[in-house]
PDB file of N, CA and C in Angstrom:
ATOM      1  N   MET A   1      22.654 125.193  16.922  1.00  0.00           N
ATOM      2  CA  MET A   1      23.813 125.224  17.721  1.00  0.00           C
ATOM      3  C   MET A   1      24.304 126.735  17.933  1.00  0.00           C
ATOM      4  N   SER A   2      25.035 126.896  18.971  1.00  0.00           N
ATOM      5  CA  SER A   2      25.462 128.269  19.317  1.00  0.00           C
ATOM      6  C   SER A   2      26.716 128.668  18.626  1.00  0.00           C
ATOM      7  N   GLU A   3      27.443 127.736  18.020  1.00  0.00           N
ATOM      8  CA  GLU A   3      28.691 128.045  17.344  1.00  0.00           C
ATOM      9  C   GLU A   3      28.379 128.929  16.047  1.00  0.00           C
ATOM     10  N   PRO A   4      29.325 129.767  15.659  1.00  0.00           N
ATOM     11  CA  PRO A   4      29.039 130.613  14.437  1.00  0.00           C
ATOM     12  C   PRO A   4      29.053 129.774  13.198  1.00  0.00           C
ATOM     13  N   GLY A   5      29.625 128.628  13.176  1.00  0.00           N
ATOM     14  CA  GLY A   5      29.632 127.757  11.991  1.00  0.00           C
ATOM     15  C   GLY A   5      29.854 126.309  12.385  1.00  0.00           C
ATOM     16  N   PRO A   6      29.609 125.360  11.557  1.00  0.00           N
ATOM     17  CA  PRO A   6      29.697 123.992  11.926  1.00  0.00           C
ATOM     18  C   PRO A   6      31.099 123.393  11.917  1.00  0.00           C
ATOM     19  N   PHE A   7      32.053 124.077  11.233  1.00  0.00           N
ATOM     20  CA  PHE A   7      33.339 123.628  11.185  1.00  0.00           C
ATOM     21  C   PHE A   7      34.128 124.188  12.421  1.00  0.00           C
ATOM     22  N   ILE A   8      34.418 123.299  13.417  1.00  0.00           N
ATOM     23  CA  ILE A   8      34.945 123.797  14.741  1.00  0.00           C
ATOM     24  C   ILE A   8      36.424 123.392  15.030  1.00  0.00           C
ATOM     25  N   TRP A   9      36.996 122.485  14.219  1.00  0.00           N
ATOM     26  CA  TRP A   9      38.399 122.175  14.607  1.00  0.00           C
ATOM     27  C   TRP A   9      39.079 121.658  13.329  1.00  0.00           C
ATOM     28  N   HIS A  10      40.344 121.989  13.147  1.00  0.00           N
ATOM     29  CA  HIS A  10      41.098 121.479  12.039  1.00  0.00           C
ATOM     30  C   HIS A  10      42.350 120.736  12.604  1.00  0.00           C
ATOM     31  N   GLU A  11      42.673 119.638  11.930  1.00  0.00           N
ATOM     32  CA  GLU A  11      43.657 118.810  12.537  1.00  0.00           C
ATOM     33  C   GLU A  11      44.546 118.179  11.383  1.00  0.00           C
ATOM     34  N   LEU A  12      45.858 118.245  11.575  1.00  0.00           N
ATOM     35  CA  LEU A  12      46.832 117.690  10.649  1.00  0.00           C
ATOM     36  C   LEU A  12      47.209 116.276  11.086  1.00  0.00           C
ATOM     37  N   VAL A  13      47.141 115.297  10.205  1.00  0.00           N
ATOM     38  CA  VAL A  13      47.595 113.932  10.593  1.00  0.00           C
ATOM     39  C   VAL A  13      48.800 113.768   9.721  1.00  0.00           C
ATOM     40  N   THR A  14      49.929 113.481  10.425  1.00  0.00           N
ATOM     41  CA  THR A  14      51.181 113.280   9.763  1.00  0.00           C
ATOM     42  C   THR A  14      52.069 112.293  10.397  1.00  0.00           C
ATOM     43  N   PRO A  15      52.819 111.509   9.741  1.00  0.00           N
ATOM     44  CA  PRO A  15      53.750 110.621  10.366  1.00  0.00           C
ATOM     45  C   PRO A  15      55.041 111.401  10.848  1.00  0.00           C
ATOM     46  N   ASP A  16      55.184 112.607  10.433  1.00  0.00           N
ATOM     47  CA  ASP A  16      56.339 113.352  10.839  1.00  0.00           C
ATOM     48  C   ASP A  16      55.966 114.707  11.404  1.00  0.00           C
ATOM     49  N   GLN A  17      55.588 114.695  12.756  1.00  0.00           N
ATOM     50  CA  GLN A  17      55.136 115.880  13.353  1.00  0.00           C
ATOM     51  C   GLN A  17      56.250 116.950  13.469  1.00  0.00           C
ATOM     52  N   THR A  18      57.534 116.543  13.552  1.00  0.00           N
ATOM     53  CA  THR A  18      58.565 117.449  13.610  1.00  0.00           C
ATOM     54  C   THR A  18      58.652 118.357  12.403  1.00  0.00           C
ATOM     55  N   SER A  19      58.701 117.736  11.252  1.00  0.00           N
ATOM     56  CA  SER A  19      58.838 118.459   9.968  1.00  0.00           C
ATOM     57  C   SER A  19      57.570 119.291   9.669  1.00  0.00           C
ATOM     58  N   SER A  20      56.382 118.676   9.786  1.00  0.00           N
ATOM     59  CA  SER A  20      55.166 119.294   9.446  1.00  0.00           C
ATOM     60  C   SER A  20      54.949 120.432  10.444  1.00  0.00           C
ATOM     61  N   GLY A  21      55.217 120.173  11.722  1.00  0.00           N
ATOM     62  CA  GLY A  21      55.008 121.233  12.761  1.00  0.00           C
ATOM     63  C   GLY A  21      55.941 122.438  12.535  1.00  0.00           C
ATOM     64  N   ALA A  22      57.179 122.183  12.160  1.00  0.00           N
ATOM     65  CA  ALA A  22      58.131 123.341  11.877  1.00  0.00           C
ATOM     66  C   ALA A  22      57.578 124.090  10.651  1.00  0.00           C
ATOM     67  N   PHE A  23      57.164 123.433   9.654  1.00  0.00           N
ATOM     68  CA  PHE A  23      56.738 124.103   8.425  1.00  0.00           C
ATOM     69  C   PHE A  23      55.529 125.000   8.695  1.00  0.00           C
ATOM     70  N   PHE A  24      54.440 124.453   9.278  1.00  0.00           N
ATOM     71  CA  PHE A  24      53.246 125.310   9.488  1.00  0.00           C
ATOM     72  C   PHE A  24      53.470 126.316  10.612  1.00  0.00           C
ATOM     73  N   SER A  25      54.255 126.077  11.574  1.00  0.00           N
ATOM     74  CA  SER A  25      54.570 127.109  12.539  1.00  0.00           C
ATOM     75  C   SER A  25      55.196 128.291  11.928  1.00  0.00           C
ATOM     76  N   GLN A  26      56.225 127.945  11.103  1.00  0.00           N
ATOM     77  CA  GLN A  26      56.932 129.082  10.418  1.00  0.00           C
ATOM     78  C   GLN A  26      56.007 129.796   9.376  1.00  0.00           C
ATOM     79  N   LEU A  27      55.282 129.058   8.700  1.00  0.00           N
ATOM     80  CA  LEU A  27      54.359 129.603   7.710  1.00  0.00           C
ATOM     81  C   LEU A  27      53.322 130.553   8.281  1.00  0.00           C
ATOM     82  N   PHE A  28      52.702 130.148   9.395  1.00  0.00           N
ATOM     83  CA  PHE A  28      51.640 130.883   9.975  1.00  0.00           C
ATOM     84  C   PHE A  28      51.957 131.662  11.291  1.00  0.00           C
ATOM     85  N   GLY A  29      53.154 131.524  11.718  1.00  0.00           N
ATOM     86  CA  GLY A  29      53.534 132.188  12.952  1.00  0.00           C
ATOM     87  C   GLY A  29      52.907 131.536  14.151  1.00  0.00           C
ATOM     88  N   TRP A  30      52.703 130.270  14.136  1.00  0.00           N
ATOM     89  CA  TRP A  30      52.101 129.517  15.243  1.00  0.00           C
ATOM     90  C   TRP A  30      53.183 129.036  16.199  1.00  0.00           C
ATOM     91  N   THR A  31      52.778 128.809  17.414  1.00  0.00           N
ATOM     92  CA  THR A  31      53.682 128.054  18.341  1.00  0.00           C
ATOM     93  C   THR A  31      53.140 126.641  18.498  1.00  0.00           C
ATOM     94  N   ARG A  32      53.899 125.817  19.061  1.00  0.00           N
ATOM     95  CA  ARG A  32      53.392 124.384  19.294  1.00  0.00           C
ATOM     96  C   ARG A  32      53.440 124.039  20.756  1.00  0.00           C
ATOM     97  N   LYS A  33      52.502 123.306  21.173  1.00  0.00           N
ATOM     98  CA  LYS A  33      52.396 122.872  22.527  1.00  0.00           C
ATOM     99  C   LYS A  33      52.112 121.300  22.471  1.00  0.00           C
ATOM    100  N   GLU A  34      53.080 120.477  22.857  1.00  0.00           N
ATOM    101  CA  GLU A  34      52.852 119.082  22.818  1.00  0.00           C
ATOM    102  C   GLU A  34      52.219 118.571  24.111  1.00  0.00           C
ATOM    103  N   VAL A  35      51.201 117.586  23.876  1.00  0.00           N
ATOM    104  CA  VAL A  35      50.591 117.062  25.061  1.00  0.00           C
ATOM    105  C   VAL A  35      50.554 115.553  24.923  1.00  0.00           C
ATOM    106  N   ASP A  36      50.609 114.766  25.981  1.00  0.00           N
ATOM    107  CA  ASP A  36      50.537 113.376  25.946  1.00  0.00           C
ATOM    108  C   ASP A  36      49.120 112.870  25.670  1.00  0.00           C
ATOM    109  N   ALA A  37      49.013 112.125  24.605  1.00  0.00           N
ATOM    110  CA  ALA A  37      47.758 111.583  24.199  1.00  0.00           C
ATOM    111  C   ALA A  37      47.624 110.059  24.458  1.00  0.00           C
ATOM    112  N   GLY A  38      48.358 109.636  25.449  1.00  0.00           N
ATOM    113  CA  GLY A  38      48.325 108.254  25.872  1.00  0.00           C
ATOM    114  C   GLY A  38      48.680 107.242  24.743  1.00  0.00           C
ATOM    115  N   SER A  39      47.904 106.323  24.485  1.00  0.00           N
ATOM    116  CA  SER A  39      48.306 105.321  23.440  1.00  0.00           C
ATOM    117  C   SER A  39      48.413 105.962  22.014  1.00  0.00           C
ATOM    118  N   PHE A  40      47.884 107.160  21.832  1.00  0.00           N
ATOM    119  CA  PHE A  40      48.031 107.774  20.549  1.00  0.00           C
ATOM    120  C   PHE A  40      49.293 108.567  20.384  1.00  0.00           C
ATOM    121  N   GLY A  41      50.111 108.591  21.426  1.00  0.00           N
ATOM    122  CA  GLY A  41      51.411 109.288  21.436  1.00  0.00           C
ATOM    123  C   GLY A  41      51.243 110.789  21.706  1.00  0.00           C
ATOM    124  N   ILE A  42      52.058 111.563  20.989  1.00  0.00           N
ATOM    125  CA  ILE A  42      51.991 112.964  21.232  1.00  0.00           C
ATOM    126  C   ILE A  42      50.943 113.701  20.370  1.00  0.00           C
ATOM    127  N   TYR A  43      50.212 114.534  20.954  1.00  0.00           N
ATOM    128  CA  TYR A  43      49.261 115.398  20.184  1.00  0.00           C
ATOM    129  C   TYR A  43      49.757 116.784  20.379  1.00  0.00           C
ATOM    130  N   THR A  44      49.887 117.501  19.257  1.00  0.00           N
ATOM    131  CA  THR A  44      50.455 118.878  19.224  1.00  0.00           C
ATOM    132  C   THR A  44      49.276 119.852  18.963  1.00  0.00           C
ATOM    133  N   LEU A  45      49.239 120.861  19.854  1.00  0.00           N
ATOM    134  CA  LEU A  45      48.307 121.999  19.642  1.00  0.00           C
ATOM    135  C   LEU A  45      49.114 123.059  18.991  1.00  0.00           C
ATOM    136  N   PHE A  46      48.565 123.611  17.870  1.00  0.00           N
ATOM    137  CA  PHE A  46      49.105 124.783  17.298  1.00  0.00           C
ATOM    138  C   PHE A  46      48.427 125.936  17.891  1.00  0.00           C
ATOM    139  N   GLN A  47      49.146 127.022  18.316  1.00  0.00           N
ATOM    140  CA  GLN A  47      48.631 128.104  18.962  1.00  0.00           C
ATOM    141  C   GLN A  47      49.062 129.414  18.389  1.00  0.00           C
ATOM    142  N   LYS A  48      48.137 130.322  18.477  1.00  0.00           N
ATOM    143  CA  LYS A  48      48.427 131.750  17.946  1.00  0.00           C
ATOM    144  C   LYS A  48      47.993 132.658  19.112  1.00  0.00           C
ATOM    145  N   SER A  49      48.960 133.463  19.566  1.00  0.00           N
ATOM    146  CA  SER A  49      48.699 134.378  20.652  1.00  0.00           C
ATOM    147  C   SER A  49      48.105 133.674  21.917  1.00  0.00           C
ATOM    148  N   GLY A  50      48.647 132.414  22.176  1.00  0.00           N
ATOM    149  CA  GLY A  50      48.211 131.668  23.295  1.00  0.00           C
ATOM    150  C   GLY A  50      46.938 130.905  23.212  1.00  0.00           C
ATOM    151  N   ARG A  51      46.314 131.046  22.035  1.00  0.00           N
ATOM    152  CA  ARG A  51      44.994 130.408  21.779  1.00  0.00           C
ATOM    153  C   ARG A  51      45.161 129.185  20.880  1.00  0.00           C
ATOM    154  N   ASP A  52      44.542 128.095  21.216  1.00  0.00           N
ATOM    155  CA  ASP A  52      44.580 126.890  20.380  1.00  0.00           C
ATOM    156  C   ASP A  52      43.908 127.223  19.044  1.00  0.00           C
ATOM    157  N   VAL A  53      44.573 126.941  17.942  1.00  0.00           N
ATOM    158  CA  VAL A  53      43.910 127.210  16.601  1.00  0.00           C
ATOM    159  C   VAL A  53      43.764 125.880  15.779  1.00  0.00           C
ATOM    160  N   ALA A  54      44.585 124.890  16.070  1.00  0.00           N
ATOM    161  CA  ALA A  54      44.454 123.570  15.282  1.00  0.00           C
ATOM    162  C   ALA A  54      45.263 122.550  16.031  1.00  0.00           C
ATOM    163  N   GLY A  55      45.149 121.328  15.578  1.00  0.00           N
ATOM    164  CA  GLY A  55      45.931 120.244  16.175  1.00  0.00           C
ATOM    165  C   GLY A  55      46.705 119.407  15.187  1.00  0.00           C
ATOM    166  N   MET A  56      47.540 118.640  15.678  1.00  0.00           N
ATOM    167  CA  MET A  56      48.332 117.701  14.851  1.00  0.00           C
ATOM    168  C   MET A  56      48.611 116.388  15.557  1.00  0.00           C
ATOM    169  N   MET A  57      48.498 115.344  14.822  1.00  0.00           N
ATOM    170  CA  MET A  57      48.627 113.981  15.456  1.00  0.00           C
ATOM    171  C   MET A  57      49.274 113.011  14.438  1.00  0.00           C
ATOM    172  N   ASN A  58      49.743 111.951  14.944  1.00  0.00           N
ATOM    173  CA  ASN A  58      50.206 110.847  14.135  1.00  0.00           C
ATOM    174  C   ASN A  58      49.083 110.048  13.624  1.00  0.00           C
ATOM    175  N   PRO A  59      49.260 109.382  12.463  1.00  0.00           N
ATOM    176  CA  PRO A  59      48.227 108.457  11.985  1.00  0.00           C
ATOM    177  C   PRO A  59      47.943 107.358  13.024  1.00  0.00           C
ATOM    178  N   THR A  60      46.725 106.928  13.033  1.00  0.00           N
ATOM    179  CA  THR A  60      46.332 105.831  13.931  1.00  0.00           C
ATOM    180  C   THR A  60      46.027 104.561  13.019  1.00  0.00           C
ATOM    181  N   PRO A  61      45.928 103.371  13.643  1.00  0.00           N
ATOM    182  CA  PRO A  61      45.655 102.204  12.770  1.00  0.00           C
ATOM    183  C   PRO A  61      44.395 102.327  11.956  1.00  0.00           C
ATOM    184  N   ASP A  62      43.412 103.077  12.431  1.00  0.00           N
ATOM    185  CA  ASP A  62      42.171 103.254  11.674  1.00  0.00           C
ATOM    186  C   ASP A  62      42.103 104.448  10.797  1.00  0.00           C
ATOM    187  N   THR A  63      43.242 105.133  10.653  1.00  0.00           N
ATOM    188  CA  THR A  63      43.291 106.307   9.685  1.00  0.00           C
ATOM    189  C   THR A  63      42.894 105.801   8.255  1.00  0.00           C
ATOM    190  N   PRO A  64      41.875 106.353   7.730  1.00  0.00           N
ATOM    191  CA  PRO A  64      41.373 105.881   6.401  1.00  0.00           C
ATOM    192  C   PRO A  64      42.211 106.274   5.213  1.00  0.00           C
ATOM    193  N   THR A  65      43.149 107.272   5.389  1.00  0.00           N
ATOM    194  CA  THR A  65      43.977 107.804   4.231  1.00  0.00           C
ATOM    195  C   THR A  65      45.445 107.618   4.584  1.00  0.00           C
ATOM    196  N   LYS A  66      46.226 107.380   3.629  1.00  0.00           N
ATOM    197  CA  LYS A  66      47.650 107.352   3.855  1.00  0.00           C
ATOM    198  C   LYS A  66      48.305 108.649   3.570  1.00  0.00           C
ATOM    199  N   GLY A  67      49.573 108.816   4.119  1.00  0.00           N
ATOM    200  CA  GLY A  67      50.265 110.133   3.962  1.00  0.00           C
ATOM    201  C   GLY A  67      49.742 111.249   4.841  1.00  0.00           C
ATOM    202  N   SER A  68      50.254 112.462   4.711  1.00  0.00           N
ATOM    203  CA  SER A  68      49.870 113.556   5.554  1.00  0.00           C
ATOM    204  C   SER A  68      48.608 114.203   5.011  1.00  0.00           C
ATOM    205  N   PHE A  69      47.765 114.727   5.790  1.00  0.00           N
ATOM    206  CA  PHE A  69      46.557 115.397   5.314  1.00  0.00           C
ATOM    207  C   PHE A  69      45.885 116.240   6.496  1.00  0.00           C
ATOM    208  N   TRP A  70      45.261 117.277   6.077  1.00  0.00           N
ATOM    209  CA  TRP A  70      44.380 118.062   7.037  1.00  0.00           C
ATOM    210  C   TRP A  70      43.001 117.478   6.980  1.00  0.00           C
ATOM    211  N   HIS A  71      42.332 117.490   8.088  1.00  0.00           N
ATOM    212  CA  HIS A  71      40.958 117.202   8.167  1.00  0.00           C
ATOM    213  C   HIS A  71      40.240 118.123   9.120  1.00  0.00           C
ATOM    214  N   PHE A  72      38.960 118.047   9.150  1.00  0.00           N
ATOM    215  CA  PHE A  72      38.164 119.023   9.907  1.00  0.00           C
ATOM    216  C   PHE A  72      37.109 118.229  10.814  1.00  0.00           C
ATOM    217  N   TYR A  73      36.584 118.911  11.760  1.00  0.00           N
ATOM    218  CA  TYR A  73      35.499 118.345  12.571  1.00  0.00           C
ATOM    219  C   TYR A  73      34.248 119.288  12.378  1.00  0.00           C
ATOM    220  N   ILE A  74      33.149 118.715  12.227  1.00  0.00           N
ATOM    221  CA  ILE A  74      31.851 119.314  12.134  1.00  0.00           C
ATOM    222  C   ILE A  74      31.075 119.137  13.374  1.00  0.00           C
ATOM    223  N   ALA A  75      30.611 120.231  14.036  1.00  0.00           N
ATOM    224  CA  ALA A  75      29.914 120.149  15.316  1.00  0.00           C
ATOM    225  C   ALA A  75      28.467 119.570  14.998  1.00  0.00           C
ATOM    226  N   VAL A  76      28.052 118.633  15.831  1.00  0.00           N
ATOM    227  CA  VAL A  76      26.714 118.179  15.800  1.00  0.00           C
ATOM    228  C   VAL A  76      26.172 118.136  17.196  1.00  0.00           C
ATOM    229  N   ASP A  77      24.866 118.147  17.307  1.00  0.00           N
ATOM    230  CA  ASP A  77      24.184 118.195  18.584  1.00  0.00           C
ATOM    231  C   ASP A  77      24.036 116.759  19.200  1.00  0.00           C
ATOM    232  N   ASP A  78      23.857 115.741  18.368  1.00  0.00           N
ATOM    233  CA  ASP A  78      23.670 114.374  18.730  1.00  0.00           C
ATOM    234  C   ASP A  78      24.452 113.449  17.882  1.00  0.00           C
ATOM    235  N   ILE A  79      25.623 113.084  18.292  1.00  0.00           N
ATOM    236  CA  ILE A  79      26.487 112.255  17.447  1.00  0.00           C
ATOM    237  C   ILE A  79      25.971 110.794  17.252  1.00  0.00           C
ATOM    238  N   GLU A  80      25.273 110.300  18.253  1.00  0.00           N
ATOM    239  CA  GLU A  80      24.684 108.951  18.071  1.00  0.00           C
ATOM    240  C   GLU A  80      23.624 108.969  17.009  1.00  0.00           C
ATOM    241  N   GLU A  81      22.761 109.978  16.972  1.00  0.00           N
ATOM    242  CA  GLU A  81      21.704 110.032  15.954  1.00  0.00           C
ATOM    243  C   GLU A  81      22.395 110.202  14.607  1.00  0.00           C
ATOM    244  N   CYS A  82      23.379 111.054  14.395  1.00  0.00           N
ATOM    245  CA  CYS A  82      24.074 111.230  13.219  1.00  0.00           C
ATOM    246  C   CYS A  82      24.587 109.814  12.736  1.00  0.00           C
ATOM    247  N   ALA A  83      25.291 109.115  13.618  1.00  0.00           N
ATOM    248  CA  ALA A  83      25.796 107.801  13.246  1.00  0.00           C
ATOM    249  C   ALA A  83      24.695 106.860  12.797  1.00  0.00           C
ATOM    250  N   ARG A  84      23.509 106.941  13.443  1.00  0.00           N
ATOM    251  CA  ARG A  84      22.429 106.055  13.047  1.00  0.00           C
ATOM    252  C   ARG A  84      21.930 106.476  11.594  1.00  0.00           C
ATOM    253  N   GLN A  85      21.947 107.722  11.325  1.00  0.00           N
ATOM    254  CA  GLN A  85      21.382 108.193  10.040  1.00  0.00           C
ATOM    255  C   GLN A  85      22.335 107.927   8.836  1.00  0.00           C
ATOM    256  N   VAL A  86      23.643 107.843   9.087  1.00  0.00           N
ATOM    257  CA  VAL A  86      24.604 107.727   8.048  1.00  0.00           C
ATOM    258  C   VAL A  86      24.272 106.507   7.082  1.00  0.00           C
ATOM    259  N   PRO A  87      24.184 105.281   7.590  1.00  0.00           N
ATOM    260  CA  PRO A  87      23.952 104.179   6.683  1.00  0.00           C
ATOM    261  C   PRO A  87      22.511 104.289   5.968  1.00  0.00           C
ATOM    262  N   LEU A  88      21.603 104.922   6.633  1.00  0.00           N
ATOM    263  CA  LEU A  88      20.238 105.099   5.975  1.00  0.00           C
ATOM    264  C   LEU A  88      20.354 106.043   4.829  1.00  0.00           C
ATOM    265  N   LEU A  89      21.349 106.895   4.755  1.00  0.00           N
ATOM    266  CA  LEU A  89      21.525 107.835   3.704  1.00  0.00           C
ATOM    267  C   LEU A  89      22.546 107.359   2.691  1.00  0.00           C
ATOM    268  N   GLY A  90      23.019 106.185   2.828  1.00  0.00           N
ATOM    269  CA  GLY A  90      23.942 105.532   1.872  1.00  0.00           C
ATOM    270  C   GLY A  90      25.368 105.657   2.133  1.00  0.00           C
ATOM    271  N   GLY A  91      25.711 106.142   3.298  1.00  0.00           N
ATOM    272  CA  GLY A  91      27.129 106.385   3.795  1.00  0.00           C
ATOM    273  C   GLY A  91      27.522 105.210   4.641  1.00  0.00           C
ATOM    274  N   SER A  92      28.696 105.360   5.273  1.00  0.00           N
ATOM    275  CA  SER A  92      29.164 104.358   6.212  1.00  0.00           C
ATOM    276  C   SER A  92      29.834 104.995   7.362  1.00  0.00           C
ATOM    277  N   VAL A  93      29.809 104.374   8.512  1.00  0.00           N
ATOM    278  CA  VAL A  93      30.406 104.893   9.719  1.00  0.00           C
ATOM    279  C   VAL A  93      31.872 104.207   9.715  1.00  0.00           C
ATOM    280  N   VAL A  94      32.847 105.002   9.589  1.00  0.00           N
ATOM    281  CA  VAL A  94      34.318 104.504   9.460  1.00  0.00           C
ATOM    282  C   VAL A  94      34.815 104.249  10.878  1.00  0.00           C
ATOM    283  N   VAL A  95      34.560 105.198  11.762  1.00  0.00           N
ATOM    284  CA  VAL A  95      35.006 105.005  13.213  1.00  0.00           C
ATOM    285  C   VAL A  95      33.779 105.361  14.029  1.00  0.00           C
ATOM    286  N   PRO A  96      33.257 104.417  14.814  1.00  0.00           N
ATOM    287  CA  PRO A  96      31.966 104.683  15.613  1.00  0.00           C
ATOM    288  C   PRO A  96      32.202 105.796  16.687  1.00  0.00           C
ATOM    289  N   PRO A  97      31.110 106.349  17.170  1.00  0.00           N
ATOM    290  CA  PRO A  97      31.178 107.356  18.114  1.00  0.00           C
ATOM    291  C   PRO A  97      31.958 106.856  19.374  1.00  0.00           C
ATOM    292  N   HIS A  98      32.865 107.710  19.845  1.00  0.00           N
ATOM    293  CA  HIS A  98      33.597 107.369  21.011  1.00  0.00           C
ATOM    294  C   HIS A  98      34.020 108.696  21.775  1.00  0.00           C
ATOM    295  N   VAL A  99      34.453 108.495  23.035  1.00  0.00           N
ATOM    296  CA  VAL A  99      34.776 109.657  23.835  1.00  0.00           C
ATOM    297  C   VAL A  99      36.249 109.999  23.663  1.00  0.00           C
ATOM    298  N   VAL A 100      36.447 111.341  23.504  1.00  0.00           N
ATOM    299  CA  VAL A 100      37.799 111.902  23.578  1.00  0.00           C
ATOM    300  C   VAL A 100      37.829 112.742  24.822  1.00  0.00           C
ATOM    301  N   PRO A 101      38.661 112.285  25.884  1.00  0.00           N
ATOM    302  CA  PRO A 101      38.546 112.955  27.194  1.00  0.00           C
ATOM    303  C   PRO A 101      38.826 114.435  27.087  1.00  0.00           C
ATOM    304  N   ASP A 102      38.022 115.257  27.716  1.00  0.00           N
ATOM    305  CA  ASP A 102      38.141 116.711  27.824  1.00  0.00           C
ATOM    306  C   ASP A 102      37.809 117.449  26.519  1.00  0.00           C
ATOM    307  N   VAL A 103      37.242 116.657  25.488  1.00  0.00           N
ATOM    308  CA  VAL A 103      36.913 117.215  24.220  1.00  0.00           C
ATOM    309  C   VAL A 103      35.440 117.057  23.984  1.00  0.00           C
ATOM    310  N   GLY A 104      35.024 115.739  23.933  1.00  0.00           N
ATOM    311  CA  GLY A 104      33.639 115.391  23.628  1.00  0.00           C
ATOM    312  C   GLY A 104      33.552 113.995  22.967  1.00  0.00           C
ATOM    313  N   ARG A 105      32.554 113.824  22.114  1.00  0.00           N
ATOM    314  CA  ARG A 105      32.425 112.539  21.439  1.00  0.00           C
ATOM    315  C   ARG A 105      32.653 112.802  19.935  1.00  0.00           C
ATOM    316  N   ILE A 106      33.444 111.917  19.321  1.00  0.00           N
ATOM    317  CA  ILE A 106      33.692 112.007  17.877  1.00  0.00           C
ATOM    318  C   ILE A 106      33.369 110.724  17.135  1.00  0.00           C
ATOM    319  N   CYS A 107      33.096 110.861  15.858  1.00  0.00           N
ATOM    320  CA  CYS A 107      33.116 109.727  14.975  1.00  0.00           C
ATOM    321  C   CYS A 107      33.529 110.070  13.541  1.00  0.00           C
ATOM    322  N   VAL A 108      33.840 109.156  12.794  1.00  0.00           N
ATOM    323  CA  VAL A 108      34.218 109.447  11.407  1.00  0.00           C
ATOM    324  C   VAL A 108      33.310 108.732  10.473  1.00  0.00           C
ATOM    325  N   VAL A 109      32.839 109.469   9.533  1.00  0.00           N
ATOM    326  CA  VAL A 109      31.796 108.930   8.504  1.00  0.00           C
ATOM    327  C   VAL A 109      32.242 109.159   7.134  1.00  0.00           C
ATOM    328  N   ALA A 110      31.680 108.403   6.239  1.00  0.00           N
ATOM    329  CA  ALA A 110      31.982 108.527   4.803  1.00  0.00           C
ATOM    330  C   ALA A 110      30.607 108.657   4.075  1.00  0.00           C
ATOM    331  N   ASP A 111      30.603 109.600   3.101  1.00  0.00           N
ATOM    332  CA  ASP A 111      29.302 109.712   2.336  1.00  0.00           C
ATOM    333  C   ASP A 111      29.261 108.581   1.283  1.00  0.00           C
ATOM    334  N   PRO A 112      28.324 108.517   0.352  1.00  0.00           N
ATOM    335  CA  PRO A 112      28.220 107.476  -0.515  1.00  0.00           C
ATOM    336  C   PRO A 112      29.380 107.350  -1.587  1.00  0.00           C
ATOM    337  N   THR A 113      30.099 108.526  -1.741  1.00  0.00           N
ATOM    338  CA  THR A 113      31.157 108.607  -2.708  1.00  0.00           C
ATOM    339  C   THR A 113      32.554 108.240  -2.005  1.00  0.00           C
ATOM    340  N   GLY A 114      32.563 108.140  -0.605  1.00  0.00           N
ATOM    341  CA  GLY A 114      33.747 107.899   0.088  1.00  0.00           C
ATOM    342  C   GLY A 114      34.353 109.085   0.729  1.00  0.00           C
ATOM    343  N   ALA A 115      33.776 110.245   0.570  1.00  0.00           N
ATOM    344  CA  ALA A 115      34.249 111.507   1.195  1.00  0.00           C
ATOM    345  C   ALA A 115      34.166 111.392   2.729  1.00  0.00           C
ATOM    346  N   ILE A 116      35.255 111.649   3.352  1.00  0.00           N
ATOM    347  CA  ILE A 116      35.414 111.473   4.833  1.00  0.00           C
ATOM    348  C   ILE A 116      34.998 112.762   5.514  1.00  0.00           C
ATOM    349  N   ALA A 117      34.235 112.613   6.637  1.00  0.00           N
ATOM    350  CA  ALA A 117      33.993 113.771   7.556  1.00  0.00           C
ATOM    351  C   ALA A 117      34.117 113.323   8.967  1.00  0.00           C
ATOM    352  N   HIS A 118      34.701 114.158   9.803  1.00  0.00           N
ATOM    353  CA  HIS A 118      34.841 113.896  11.217  1.00  0.00           C
ATOM    354  C   HIS A 118      33.737 114.684  11.949  1.00  0.00           C
ATOM    355  N   LEU A 119      32.979 114.079  12.730  1.00  0.00           N
ATOM    356  CA  LEU A 119      31.895 114.720  13.481  1.00  0.00           C
ATOM    357  C   LEU A 119      32.308 114.821  14.959  1.00  0.00           C
ATOM    358  N   MET A 120      31.901 115.898  15.584  1.00  0.00           N
ATOM    359  CA  MET A 120      32.235 116.046  17.095  1.00  0.00           C
ATOM    360  C   MET A 120      30.974 116.646  17.758  1.00  0.00           C
ATOM    361  N   GLN A 121      30.643 116.016  18.796  1.00  0.00           N
ATOM    362  CA  GLN A 121      29.713 116.562  19.750  1.00  0.00           C
ATOM    363  C   GLN A 121      30.521 117.065  20.936  1.00  0.00           C
ATOM    364  N   PRO A 122      30.854 118.365  20.912  1.00  0.00           N
ATOM    365  CA  PRO A 122      31.687 118.913  21.981  1.00  0.00           C
ATOM    366  C   PRO A 122      31.104 118.814  23.396  1.00  0.00           C
ATOM    367  N   LEU A 123      31.919 118.772  24.380  1.00  0.00           N
ATOM    368  CA  LEU A 123      31.501 118.794  25.779  1.00  0.00           C
ATOM    369  C   LEU A 123      30.681 120.053  25.938  1.00  0.00           C
ATOM    370  N   LYS A 124      29.653 119.965  26.799  1.00  0.00           N
ATOM    371  CA  LYS A 124      28.878 121.181  27.103  1.00  0.00           C
ATOM    372  C   LYS A 124      29.670 121.990  28.052  1.00  0.00           C
ATOM    373  N   GLN A 125      29.776 123.240  27.764  1.00  0.00           N
ATOM    374  CA  GLN A 125      30.573 124.213  28.616  1.00  0.00           C
ATOM    375  C   GLN A 125      29.692 124.721  29.741  1.00  0.00           C
TER     376      GLN A 125
END
């Protein structure tokens, strides 16, 4: 892959975007840009010097963890192939591959111990 590392995006999932957003914005000097995410509600982009650095969203019905938490996305070249390999390696596909408009394809997997990872096949630029 052409990216400098596989960890390409960090995202905060929280039921209280107002409080969490204010806290991290003040802590890191970030600004916030809210965008309409359709049925998912508001998605907040954290920005530094006008550049997107992380995201924030409300929990969804398929969110595997309760409470607020940060998670990450790992870049992959072929998300469908990764999803096929997960059960063969003893893991499980928590959320199957699906399209996120203007972003790419994502899925959520768990390793045999239950550790969750979010995979992303970014749109080709």
